[in-house]
C-alpha atoms as a PDB file:
ATOM      1  CA  MET A   1       0.064  -0.178  -0.052  1.00  0.00           C
ATOM      2  CA  PRO A   2       2.521   2.621   0.770  1.00  0.00           C
ATOM      3  CA  ASN A   3       4.343   2.039  -2.436  1.00  0.00           C
ATOM      4  CA  ALA A   4       1.022   2.424  -4.270  1.00  0.00           C
ATOM      5  CA  LEU A   5       0.653   5.746  -2.353  1.00  0.00           C
ATOM      6  CA  THR A   6       4.265   6.997  -3.336  1.00  0.00           C
ATOM      7  CA  ALA A   7       3.817   6.178  -6.590  1.00  0.00           C
ATOM      8  CA  ALA A   8       0.382   8.076  -6.313  1.00  0.00           C
ATOM      9  CA  ARG A   9       2.112  11.334  -5.176  1.00  0.00           C
ATOM     10  CA  VAL A  10       4.902  10.822  -7.926  1.00  0.00           C
ATOM     11  CA  ARG A  11       2.374  11.171 -10.603  1.00  0.00           C
ATOM     12  CA  LYS A  12       0.354  13.869  -9.174  1.00  0.00           C
ATOM     13  CA  ILE A  13       3.994  16.005  -8.507  1.00  0.00           C
ATOM     14  CA  THR A  14       5.391  15.348 -12.000  1.00  0.00           C
ATOM     15  CA  ALA A  15       2.149  15.826 -13.939  1.00  0.00           C
ATOM     16  CA  ARG A  16       1.779  19.495 -12.352  1.00  0.00           C
ATOM     17  CA  VAL A  17       5.270  20.397 -12.888  1.00  0.00           C
ATOM     18  CA  THR A  18       5.205  18.896 -16.552  1.00  0.00           C
ATOM     19  CA  VAL A  19       1.900  20.718 -17.128  1.00  0.00           C
ATOM     20  CA  GLY A  20       3.148  23.786 -15.508  1.00  0.00           C
ATOM     21  CA  THR A  21       6.396  23.991 -17.619  1.00  0.00           C
ATOM     22  CA  PHE A  22       4.461  23.491 -21.007  1.00  0.00           C
ATOM     23  CA  THR A  23       1.872  26.083 -20.286  1.00  0.00           C
ATOM     24  CA  VAL A  24       4.779  28.337 -19.837  1.00  0.00           C
ATOM     25  CA  ALA A  25       6.372  27.226 -22.757  1.00  0.00           C
ATOM     26  CA  ALA A  26       3.112  27.902 -24.528  1.00  0.00           C
ATOM     27  CA  LEU A  27       2.275  31.382 -23.097  1.00  0.00           C
ATOM     28  CA  ILE A  28       6.008  31.932 -24.317  1.00  0.00           C
ATOM     29  CA  GLY A  29       5.689  30.869 -28.015  1.00  0.00           C
ATOM     30  CA  ILE A  30       2.436  32.718 -28.441  1.00  0.00           C
ATOM     31  CA  ALA A  31       4.127  36.180 -27.236  1.00  0.00           C
ATOM     32  CA  ILE A  32       6.741  35.670 -29.925  1.00  0.00           C
ATOM     33  CA  LEU A  33       4.269  34.900 -32.530  1.00  0.00           C
ATOM     34  CA  LEU A  34       1.950  37.869 -31.607  1.00  0.00           C
ATOM     35  CA  LEU A  35       4.952  40.474 -31.284  1.00  0.00           C
ATOM     36  CA  PRO A  36       5.279  42.711 -34.085  1.00  0.00           C
ATOM     37  CA  GLY A  37       8.077  42.610 -36.568  1.00  0.00           C
ATOM     38  CA  GLN A  38       9.818  39.420 -38.398  1.00  0.00           C
ATOM     39  CA  ILE A  39      10.689  36.357 -36.399  1.00  0.00           C
ATOM     40  CA  GLY A  40      14.334  36.409 -36.485  1.00  0.00           C
ATOM     41  CA  GLN A  41      16.819  33.352 -35.266  1.00  0.00           C
ATOM     42  CA  THR A  42      16.205  33.203 -31.625  1.00  0.00           C
ATOM     43  CA  GLU A  43      12.737  33.649 -31.898  1.00  0.00           C
ATOM     44  CA  THR A  44      12.669  30.567 -34.471  1.00  0.00           C
ATOM     45  CA  ARG A  45      14.860  28.486 -31.567  1.00  0.00           C
ATOM     46  CA  ILE A  46      12.510  29.787 -28.681  1.00  0.00           C
ATOM     47  CA  LEU A  47       9.594  28.458 -31.036  1.00  0.00           C
ATOM     48  CA  LEU A  48      11.221  24.984 -31.652  1.00  0.00           C
ATOM     49  CA  THR A  49      12.139  25.285 -27.781  1.00  0.00           C
ATOM     50  CA  THR A  50       8.261  25.318 -27.186  1.00  0.00           C
ATOM     51  CA  LEU A  51       7.730  22.528 -29.459  1.00  0.00           C
ATOM     52  CA  LEU A  52      10.665  20.211 -27.768  1.00  0.00           C
ATOM     53  CA  VAL A  53       9.040  20.922 -24.263  1.00  0.00           C
ATOM     54  CA  GLY A  54       5.712  20.205 -25.155  1.00  0.00           C
ATOM     55  CA  MET A  55       6.773  16.813 -27.151  1.00  0.00           C
ATOM     56  CA  ALA A  56       8.667  16.051 -24.050  1.00  0.00           C
ATOM     57  CA  ASN A  57       5.791  16.851 -22.087  1.00  0.00           C
ATOM     58  CA  ALA A  58       3.751  14.635 -23.492  1.00  0.00           C
ATOM     59  CA  LEU A  59       5.504  11.553 -23.903  1.00  0.00           C
ATOM     60  CA  LEU A  60       6.262  11.845 -20.255  1.00  0.00           C
ATOM     61  CA  LEU A  61       2.920  12.099 -19.192  1.00  0.00           C
ATOM     62  CA  CYS A  62       2.242   9.035 -20.986  1.00  0.00           C
ATOM     63  CA  CYS A  63       5.655   7.158 -19.524  1.00  0.00           C
ATOM     64  CA  LEU A  64       4.044   8.912 -16.421  1.00  0.00           C
ATOM     65  CA  THR A  65       1.080   6.096 -16.479  1.00  0.00           C
ATOM     66  CA  THR A  66       3.133   3.104 -14.983  1.00  0.00           C
ATOM     67  CA  ALA A  67       4.496   4.535 -11.753  1.00  0.00           C
ATOM     68  CA  GLY A  68       3.124   1.976  -9.120  1.00  0.00           C
ATOM     69  CA  ARG A  69       2.011  -0.831 -11.725  1.00  0.00           C
ATOM     70  CA  ARG A  70       4.795  -3.371 -12.118  1.00  0.00           C
ATOM     71  CA  PRO A  71       6.822  -4.453 -13.976  1.00  0.00           C
ATOM     72  CA  ALA A  72       5.502  -2.135 -16.717  1.00  0.00           C
ATOM     73  CA  GLN A  73       7.573   1.057 -14.123  1.00  0.00           C
ATOM     74  CA  ARG A  74      10.649  -0.063 -15.275  1.00  0.00           C
ATOM     75  CA  LEU A  75       9.289   0.273 -19.271  1.00  0.00           C
ATOM     76  CA  GLY A  76       7.784   3.932 -18.155  1.00  0.00           C
ATOM     77  CA  ILE A  77      11.598   4.912 -16.346  1.00  0.00           C
ATOM     78  CA  ALA A  78      13.103   3.679 -19.767  1.00  0.00           C
ATOM     79  CA  GLY A  79      10.473   5.710 -21.788  1.00  0.00           C
ATOM     80  CA  ALA A  80      11.544   9.103 -19.505  1.00  0.00           C
ATOM     81  CA  VAL A  81      15.249   8.404 -19.782  1.00  0.00           C
ATOM     82  CA  ALA A  82      15.089   8.474 -23.726  1.00  0.00           C
ATOM     83  CA  THR A  83      12.532  11.449 -23.520  1.00  0.00           C
ATOM     84  CA  LEU A  84      15.570  13.530 -21.426  1.00  0.00           C
ATOM     85  CA  VAL A  85      18.254  12.232 -24.214  1.00  0.00           C
ATOM     86  CA  ALA A  86      15.968  13.376 -27.081  1.00  0.00           C
ATOM     87  CA  PHE A  87      14.962  16.778 -25.314  1.00  0.00           C
ATOM     88  CA  LEU A  88      18.651  17.200 -24.851  1.00  0.00           C
ATOM     89  CA  ILE A  89      19.837  16.649 -27.965  1.00  0.00           C
ATOM     90  CA  GLY A  90      17.089  18.231 -29.773  1.00  0.00           C
ATOM     91  CA  MET A  91      17.942  21.831 -27.257  1.00  0.00           C
ATOM     92  CA  THR A  92      21.487  21.304 -28.283  1.00  0.00           C
ATOM     93  CA  LEU A  93      20.577  21.349 -31.793  1.00  0.00           C
ATOM     94  CA  THR A  94      18.174  24.113 -31.619  1.00  0.00           C
ATOM     95  CA  TRP A  95      21.034  26.563 -29.113  1.00  0.00           C
ATOM     96  CA  SER A  96      24.413  25.385 -30.693  1.00  0.00           C
ATOM     97  CA  ASP A  97      26.073  26.556 -34.039  1.00  0.00           C
ATOM     98  CA  LEU A  98      27.627  23.241 -35.107  1.00  0.00           C
ATOM     99  CA  SER A  99      29.604  23.377 -37.905  1.00  0.00           C
ATOM    100  CA  GLY A 100      31.419  20.280 -39.998  1.00  0.00           C
ATOM    101  CA  ASP A 101      29.904  17.101 -39.645  1.00  0.00           C
ATOM    102  CA  HIS A 102      27.601  16.241 -36.933  1.00  0.00           C
ATOM    103  CA  GLY A 103      25.329  14.145 -38.646  1.00  0.00           C
ATOM    104  CA  TRP A 104      26.102  11.713 -35.555  1.00  0.00           C
ATOM    105  CA  VAL A 105      24.198  14.133 -33.468  1.00  0.00           C
ATOM    106  CA  TRP A 106      21.132  14.015 -36.033  1.00  0.00           C
ATOM    107  CA  ARG A 107      20.667   9.901 -35.614  1.00  0.00           C
ATOM    108  CA  GLY A 108      21.242  10.276 -31.964  1.00  0.00           C
ATOM    109  CA  PHE A 109      18.360  12.504 -31.855  1.00  0.00           C
ATOM    110  CA  GLY A 110      16.429  10.536 -34.050  1.00  0.00           C
ATOM    111  CA  VAL A 111      16.659   7.364 -32.636  1.00  0.00           C
ATOM    112  CA  SER A 112      15.845   8.297 -29.443  1.00  0.00           C
ATOM    113  CA  SER A 113      12.620  10.383 -30.210  1.00  0.00           C
ATOM    114  CA  VAL A 114      11.627   6.438 -31.911  1.00  0.00           C
ATOM    115  CA  ILE A 115      12.632   4.988 -29.097  1.00  0.00           C
ATOM    116  CA  ALA A 116      10.757   7.564 -26.560  1.00  0.00           C
ATOM    117  CA  GLY A 117       7.666   7.828 -29.031  1.00  0.00           C
ATOM    118  CA  THR A 118       7.644   4.038 -28.785  1.00  0.00           C
ATOM    119  CA  ILE A 119       7.587   3.271 -25.719  1.00  0.00           C
ATOM    120  CA  ALA A 120       5.342   5.874 -24.734  1.00  0.00           C
ATOM    121  CA  GLN A 121       2.334   4.216 -27.025  1.00  0.00           C
ATOM    122  CA  CYS A 122       3.258   0.869 -25.044  1.00  0.00           C
ATOM    123  CA  CYS A 123       2.870   2.530 -21.712  1.00  0.00           C
ATOM    124  CA  LEU A 124      -0.497   3.664 -22.779  1.00  0.00           C
ATOM    125  CA  LEU A 125      -1.554   0.523 -24.625  1.00  0.00           C
ATOM    126  CA  LEU A 126      -0.730  -1.151 -21.064  1.00  0.00           C
ATOM    127  CA  LEU A 127      -2.481   1.182 -19.393  1.00  0.00           C
ATOM    128  CA  THR A 128      -5.983   0.948 -20.823  1.00  0.00           C
ATOM    129  CA  THR A 129      -5.328  -2.935 -21.350  1.00  0.00           C
ATOM    130  CA  ALA A 130      -4.433  -3.296 -17.069  1.00  0.00           C
ATOM    131  CA  ASP A 131      -7.852  -5.255 -16.567  1.00  0.00           C
ATOM    132  CA  VAL A 132      -8.763  -7.641 -19.852  1.00  0.00           C
ATOM    133  CA  ARG A 133      -9.038 -10.963 -20.690  1.00  0.00           C
ATOM    134  CA  ARG A 134      -6.436 -13.463 -21.438  1.00  0.00           C
ATOM    135  CA  SER A 135      -7.865 -13.847 -25.136  1.00  0.00           C
ATOM    136  CA  VAL A 136      -7.406 -10.107 -25.430  1.00  0.00           C
ATOM    137  CA  ARG A 137      -3.773 -10.637 -24.216  1.00  0.00           C
ATOM    138  CA  TRP A 138      -2.854 -11.814 -27.219  1.00  0.00           C
ATOM    139  CA  VAL A 139      -4.078  -9.095 -29.056  1.00  0.00           C
ATOM    140  CA  ARG A 140      -1.979  -6.874 -26.835  1.00  0.00           C
ATOM    141  CA  VAL A 141       1.412  -8.912 -27.574  1.00  0.00           C
ATOM    142  CA  GLY A 142       0.706  -8.425 -31.246  1.00  0.00           C
ATOM    143  CA  ALA A 143       0.567  -5.178 -30.716  1.00  0.00           C
ATOM    144  CA  LEU A 144       3.290  -4.703 -28.457  1.00  0.00           C
ATOM    145  CA  THR A 145       5.245  -6.628 -30.710  1.00  0.00           C
ATOM    146  CA  ALA A 146       4.525  -4.796 -34.004  1.00  0.00           C
ATOM    147  CA  ALA A 147       5.287  -0.908 -32.339  1.00  0.00           C
ATOM    148  CA  ALA A 148       8.856  -2.728 -30.926  1.00  0.00           C
ATOM    149  CA  ALA A 149       9.326  -4.138 -34.121  1.00  0.00           C
ATOM    150  CA  LEU A 150       8.338  -0.403 -36.264  1.00  0.00           C
ATOM    151  CA  ALA A 151      10.719   1.082 -33.960  1.00  0.00           C
ATOM    152  CA  ALA A 152      13.628  -1.076 -34.850  1.00  0.00           C
ATOM    153  CA  LEU A 153      13.043  -0.921 -38.358  1.00  0.00           C
ATOM    154  CA  LEU A 154      13.054   3.297 -38.399  1.00  0.00           C
ATOM    155  CA  CYS A 155      16.207   3.568 -36.092  1.00  0.00           C
ATOM    156  CA  ALA A 156      18.123   1.060 -38.741  1.00  0.00           C
ATOM    157  CA  VAL A 157      16.936   3.405 -41.382  1.00  0.00           C
ATOM    158  CA  ILE A 158      18.122   6.294 -39.411  1.00  0.00           C
ATOM    159  CA  LEU A 159      21.461   4.540 -38.221  1.00  0.00           C
ATOM    160  CA  ASP A 160      22.255   3.578 -42.170  1.00  0.00           C
ATOM    161  CA  GLY A 161      21.221   6.781 -43.630  1.00  0.00           C
ATOM    162  CA  ARG A 162      19.831   5.229 -46.617  1.00  0.00           C
ATOM    163  CA  PHE A 163      16.287   4.268 -47.784  1.00  0.00           C
ATOM    164  CA  ASP A 164      16.682   3.269 -51.291  1.00  0.00           C
ATOM    165  CA  SER A 165      15.191  -0.218 -50.652  1.00  0.00           C
ATOM    166  CA  GLU A 166      12.199  -0.635 -51.945  1.00  0.00           C
ATOM    167  CA  THR A 167      11.625  -4.499 -50.162  1.00  0.00           C
ATOM    168  CA  PHE A 168      13.064  -2.717 -47.299  1.00  0.00           C
ATOM    169  CA  ALA A 169      10.385   0.446 -47.678  1.00  0.00           C
ATOM    170  CA  ARG A 170       7.805  -2.344 -48.400  1.00  0.00           C
ATOM    171  CA  VAL A 171       8.300  -4.439 -45.238  1.00  0.00           C
ATOM    172  CA  VAL A 172       8.462  -0.841 -42.846  1.00  0.00           C
ATOM    173  CA  GLY A 173       4.994  -0.122 -44.419  1.00  0.00           C
ATOM    174  CA  VAL A 174       3.558  -3.704 -43.719  1.00  0.00           C
ATOM    175  CA  VAL A 175       4.640  -3.255 -40.301  1.00  0.00           C
ATOM    176  CA  ALA A 176       3.554   0.359 -39.510  1.00  0.00           C
ATOM    177  CA  VAL A 177      -0.247  -0.984 -41.057  1.00  0.00           C
ATOM    178  CA  LEU A 178       0.103  -3.725 -38.381  1.00  0.00           C
ATOM    179  CA  ASP A 179       1.181  -1.394 -35.579  1.00  0.00           C
ATOM    180  CA  ALA A 180      -1.960   0.750 -36.503  1.00  0.00           C
ATOM    181  CA  LEU A 181      -4.214  -1.993 -37.116  1.00  0.00           C
ATOM    182  CA  GLY A 182      -2.972  -3.866 -33.256  1.00  0.00           C
ATOM    183  CA  THR A 183      -3.602  -0.863 -31.280  1.00  0.00           C
ATOM    184  CA  VAL A 184      -6.882   0.344 -32.891  1.00  0.00           C
ATOM    185  CA  VAL A 185      -7.940  -3.379 -32.561  1.00  0.00           C
ATOM    186  CA  LEU A 186      -6.842  -4.026 -28.474  1.00  0.00           C
ATOM    187  CA  VAL A 187      -8.387  -0.389 -27.967  1.00  0.00           C
ATOM    188  CA  ALA A 188     -11.566  -1.520 -29.326  1.00  0.00           C
ATOM    189  CA  LEU A 189     -11.750  -5.021 -27.552  1.00  0.00           C
ATOM    190  CA  THR A 190     -11.015  -3.044 -24.233  1.00  0.00           C
ATOM    191  CA  ARG A 191     -14.081  -1.225 -24.757  1.00  0.00           C
ATOM    192  CA  LEU A 192     -16.172  -4.401 -24.552  1.00  0.00           C
ATOM    193  CA  ALA A 193     -13.803  -6.195 -21.777  1.00  0.00           C
ATOM    194  CA  PRO A 194     -15.006  -4.617 -18.861  1.00  0.00           C
ATOM    195  CA  ARG A 195     -18.739  -5.215 -19.536  1.00  0.00           C
ATOM    196  CA  GLU A 196     -17.430  -9.324 -19.877  1.00  0.00           C
ATOM    197  CA  GLN A 197     -15.466  -9.192 -16.611  1.00  0.00           C
ATOM    198  CA  ALA A 198     -17.723  -7.695 -14.573  1.00  0.00           C
ATOM    199  CA  ALA A 199     -20.243 -10.162 -15.412  1.00  0.00           C
ATOM    200  CA  ALA A 200     -18.128 -12.921 -14.848  1.00  0.00           C
ATOM    201  CA  THR A 201     -17.276 -11.458 -11.195  1.00  0.00           C
ATOM    202  CA  ALA A 202     -20.684 -10.394 -10.432  1.00  0.00           C
ATOM    203  CA  SER A 203     -21.297 -13.362  -8.098  1.00  0.00           C
ATOM    204  CA  ALA A 204     -18.541 -11.696  -5.873  1.00  0.00           C
ATOM    205  CA  ALA A 205     -19.790  -8.068  -6.074  1.00  0.00           C
ATOM    206  CA  ASP A 206     -21.867  -8.815  -2.690  1.00  0.00           C
ATOM    207  CA  ALA A 207     -18.944 -10.405  -0.714  1.00  0.00           C
ATOM    208  CA  THR A 208     -17.694  -8.636   2.297  1.00  0.00           C
ATOM    209  CA  ALA A 209     -14.750  -9.397   4.090  1.00  0.00           C
ATOM    210  CA  THR A 210     -13.129  -7.740   7.323  1.00  0.00           C
ATOM    211  CA  VAL A 211      -9.719  -6.163   7.637  1.00  0.00           C
ATOM    212  CA  THR A 212      -7.394  -5.743  10.731  1.00  0.00           C
ATOM    213  CA  LEU A 213      -5.469  -2.378  10.671  1.00  0.00           C
ATOM    214  CA  SER A 214      -2.533  -2.276  12.921  1.00  0.00           C
ATOM    215  CA  GLY A 215      -2.651   0.881  15.289  1.00  0.00           C
ATOM    216  CA  PRO A 216      -0.547   3.567  12.809  1.00  0.00           C
ATOM    217  CA  MET A 217      -2.018   2.169   9.803  1.00  0.00           C
ATOM    218  CA  ALA A 218      -5.833   2.799  11.568  1.00  0.00           C
ATOM    219  CA  GLY A 219      -4.918   5.724  12.853  1.00  0.00           C
ATOM    220  CA  LEU A 220      -4.242   6.726   9.071  1.00  0.00           C
ATOM    221  CA  VAL A 221      -7.065   5.661   7.978  1.00  0.00           C
ATOM    222  CA  ILE A 222      -9.456   7.768  10.726  1.00  0.00           C
ATOM    223  CA  ARG A 223      -7.376  11.214   9.882  1.00  0.00           C
ATOM    224  CA  ARG A 224      -7.813  10.566   6.100  1.00  0.00           C
ATOM    225  CA  ALA A 225     -11.444   9.901   6.758  1.00  0.00           C
ATOM    226  CA  ALA A 226     -11.941  13.134   8.993  1.00  0.00           C
ATOM    227  CA  ASP A 227     -10.018  14.752   6.087  1.00  0.00           C
ATOM    228  CA  THR A 228     -12.113  13.813   3.092  1.00  0.00           C
ATOM    229  CA  GLY A 229     -15.435  13.961   5.294  1.00  0.00           C
ATOM    230  CA  THR A 230     -15.800  10.374   4.661  1.00  0.00           C
ATOM    231  CA  ASP A 231     -15.825   7.201   6.599  1.00  0.00           C
ATOM    232  CA  PRO A 232     -12.857   4.946   7.424  1.00  0.00           C
ATOM    233  CA  ASP A 233     -14.647   2.100   5.761  1.00  0.00           C
ATOM    234  CA  THR A 234     -14.887   4.053   2.708  1.00  0.00           C
ATOM    235  CA  VAL A 235     -11.045   5.218   2.564  1.00  0.00           C
ATOM    236  CA  VAL A 236      -9.961   1.356   2.930  1.00  0.00           C
ATOM    237  CA  ALA A 237     -12.476   0.275  -0.041  1.00  0.00           C
ATOM    238  CA  LEU A 238     -10.866   3.166  -2.143  1.00  0.00           C
ATOM    239  CA  ALA A 239      -7.533   1.987  -0.677  1.00  0.00           C
ATOM    240  CA  VAL A 240      -8.105  -1.511  -1.502  1.00  0.00           C
ATOM    241  CA  ASP A 241      -9.719  -1.063  -4.868  1.00  0.00           C
ATOM    242  CA  ARG A 242      -6.653   1.441  -6.441  1.00  0.00           C
ATOM    243  CA  TYR A 243      -4.130  -1.311  -5.387  1.00  0.00           C
ATOM    244  CA  LEU A 244      -5.575  -3.909  -6.915  1.00  0.00           C
ATOM    245  CA  ARG A 245      -5.767  -1.917 -10.105  1.00  0.00           C
ATOM    246  CA  GLU A 246      -2.480  -0.166  -9.825  1.00  0.00           C
ATOM    247  CA  VAL A 247       0.086  -2.809  -8.780  1.00  0.00           C
ATOM    248  CA  THR A 248      -2.117  -6.360  -8.782  1.00  0.00           C
ATOM    249  CA  PRO A 249      -4.639  -5.764 -11.667  1.00  0.00           C
ATOM    250  CA  ILE A 250      -7.892  -7.729 -11.453  1.00  0.00           C
ATOM    251  CA  ASP A 251      -6.973 -10.223 -14.589  1.00  0.00           C
ATOM    252  CA  ARG A 252      -4.195 -11.808 -12.439  1.00  0.00           C
ATOM    253  CA  ILE A 253      -6.095 -13.423  -9.747  1.00  0.00           C
ATOM    254  CA  ASP A 254      -9.303 -14.210 -12.022  1.00  0.00           C
ATOM    255  CA  PRO A 255      -9.191 -17.685 -12.738  1.00  0.00           C
ATOM    256  CA  ALA A 256     -11.424 -16.679 -16.043  1.00  0.00           C
END
């Protein structure tokens, strides 16, 4: 329980910081566009910085959805690292006057951006399909595999610097279509899965249980109930519900 509550606090704080920084960057970009006169090099760099901040914040919010959800949390951390790397390289390219051959910098930006975007997509898929039937999990595996395969192909293109093979281009196109198809089908199936899962667990809906808490934990529950204007039973019920959904998804304990 403490891990779940800590993850919730981390998500809340990070979300506020992310939204705040993007809001400030967006206001600066709007101000530049509304100011009279021509847009020079400095203004262009500021606008590109605003774009980078917005993209990085969007990716970070996607990766943040895995906080407290094991083992997906490790994937979210990897996505956050890739996003930070792409952002730093992008800022370097935006504000530095690089001379000579620095193609490796652009390739590093492209590869890190592809990896960050793919992990963000996977994090969202894992979030929307946390509680699904086993039959739907195979679709999830296929969608995640297609996303990873597409990322690997795009990284290969970026690192090689050439895209002159028609066969390779067709393969990339097929994998991209499979990635989009798997994502759409998976999201569509998960819209129906909760209803079927609710029907399967309807027999346990009226079940009750008695929970014994230690002294310090009971004190925390009572204080939380007083702060929120509810009763201790409601606080415990909400905490258990959040724990089951964020740490141990219901489908793991559902024998069906």
